[in-house]
Protein backbone atom coordinates (compact mmCIF):
# COMPACT_ATOMS: atom_id res chain seq x y z
CA MET A 1 2.32 -10.11 -7.11
CA LYS A 2 4.65 -11.02 -4.48
CA VAL A 3 5.81 -10.42 -1.54
CA GLY A 4 8.33 -7.22 -1.79
CA ASP A 5 6.38 -5.12 -4.29
CA LEU A 6 6.04 -1.86 -4.54
CA VAL A 7 1.89 -1.21 -5.60
CA LYS A 8 -0.54 1.87 -5.72
CA TYR A 9 -3.99 1.56 -6.18
CA LYS A 10 -5.41 0.91 -10.14
CA LYS A 11 -6.73 4.64 -11.92
CA SER A 12 -10.73 3.40 -11.25
CA MET A 13 -9.96 3.95 -8.15
CA SER A 14 -10.01 7.48 -8.14
CA GLY A 15 -8.67 10.02 -5.20
CA LEU A 16 -6.06 6.73 -3.65
CA GLU A 17 -4.37 6.90 -7.26
CA LYS A 18 -1.63 8.24 -5.47
CA CYS A 19 -0.97 6.20 -2.62
CA LEU A 20 2.03 3.65 -2.43
CA GLY A 21 2.55 0.75 -0.62
CA ILE A 22 4.19 -1.96 -0.56
CA ILE A 23 3.06 -5.36 -0.08
CA VAL A 24 4.10 -7.13 3.36
CA ALA A 25 2.66 -10.47 3.61
CA ARG A 26 0.06 -12.33 1.54
CA ASN A 27 -2.89 -12.89 4.21
CA GLY A 28 -5.10 -15.90 1.94
CA LYS A 29 -6.66 -13.89 -1.66
CA ALA A 30 -5.41 -10.68 -0.56
CA PHE A 31 -2.18 -8.86 0.82
CA ASP A 32 -1.26 -6.91 3.10
CA ILE A 33 0.23 -3.85 2.55
CA ARG A 34 2.65 -0.77 4.58
CA TRP A 35 1.29 2.59 2.69
CA LEU A 36 4.31 4.91 2.71
CA ASP A 37 3.05 8.18 1.17
CA ARG A 38 2.93 11.17 2.74
CA HIS A 39 -0.87 10.46 2.55
CA THR A 40 -0.91 7.61 4.41
CA ARG A 41 0.99 8.36 7.65
CA LYS A 42 -0.40 8.39 11.53
CA ARG A 43 0.19 11.35 13.14
CA GLY A 44 1.40 11.68 16.56
CA ILE A 45 1.37 14.83 19.14
CA GLY A 46 3.79 17.01 16.88
CA ALA A 47 5.30 14.63 14.34
CA LEU A 48 4.45 11.27 11.95
CA VAL A 49 4.80 8.19 14.27
CA GLY A 50 3.84 5.63 12.20
CA ARG A 51 2.89 4.13 8.61
CA GLU A 52 -0.69 2.51 8.06
CA THR A 53 -0.85 -0.69 6.62
CA SER A 54 -4.12 -2.24 5.58
CA VAL A 55 -5.01 -5.50 3.79
CA GLU A 56 -5.92 -5.06 0.04
CA ILE A 57 -7.70 -7.50 -3.29
CA PRO A 58 -5.74 -7.20 -6.14
CA ASP A 59 -8.17 -6.48 -7.93
CA PHE A 60 -7.95 -2.67 -6.57
CA LEU A 61 -3.55 -2.61 -7.18
CA GLU A 62 -1.36 -2.76 -9.97
CA VAL A 63 2.50 -2.92 -9.08
CA VAL A 64 4.50 -0.19 -9.70
CA SER A 65 7.94 -2.41 -8.94
CA GLU A 66 8.52 -6.04 -9.22
CA SER A 67 11.03 -7.18 -5.84
CA ARG A 68 13.78 -9.78 -7.51
């Protein structure tokens, strides 16, 4: 896994496997993920105003598409 890869949670993470994100930075042995799917958007007054970013360990992720 590397910065720019598109990732999702493994199927073993029941209920989260539809979340889709991009690796934006390495964080020690983990990665900072910017989530892109509609389930992880933060809501504002009457509109969607941002995306969630979280730190995840690679054991729970799988690559959907590799960056070049």
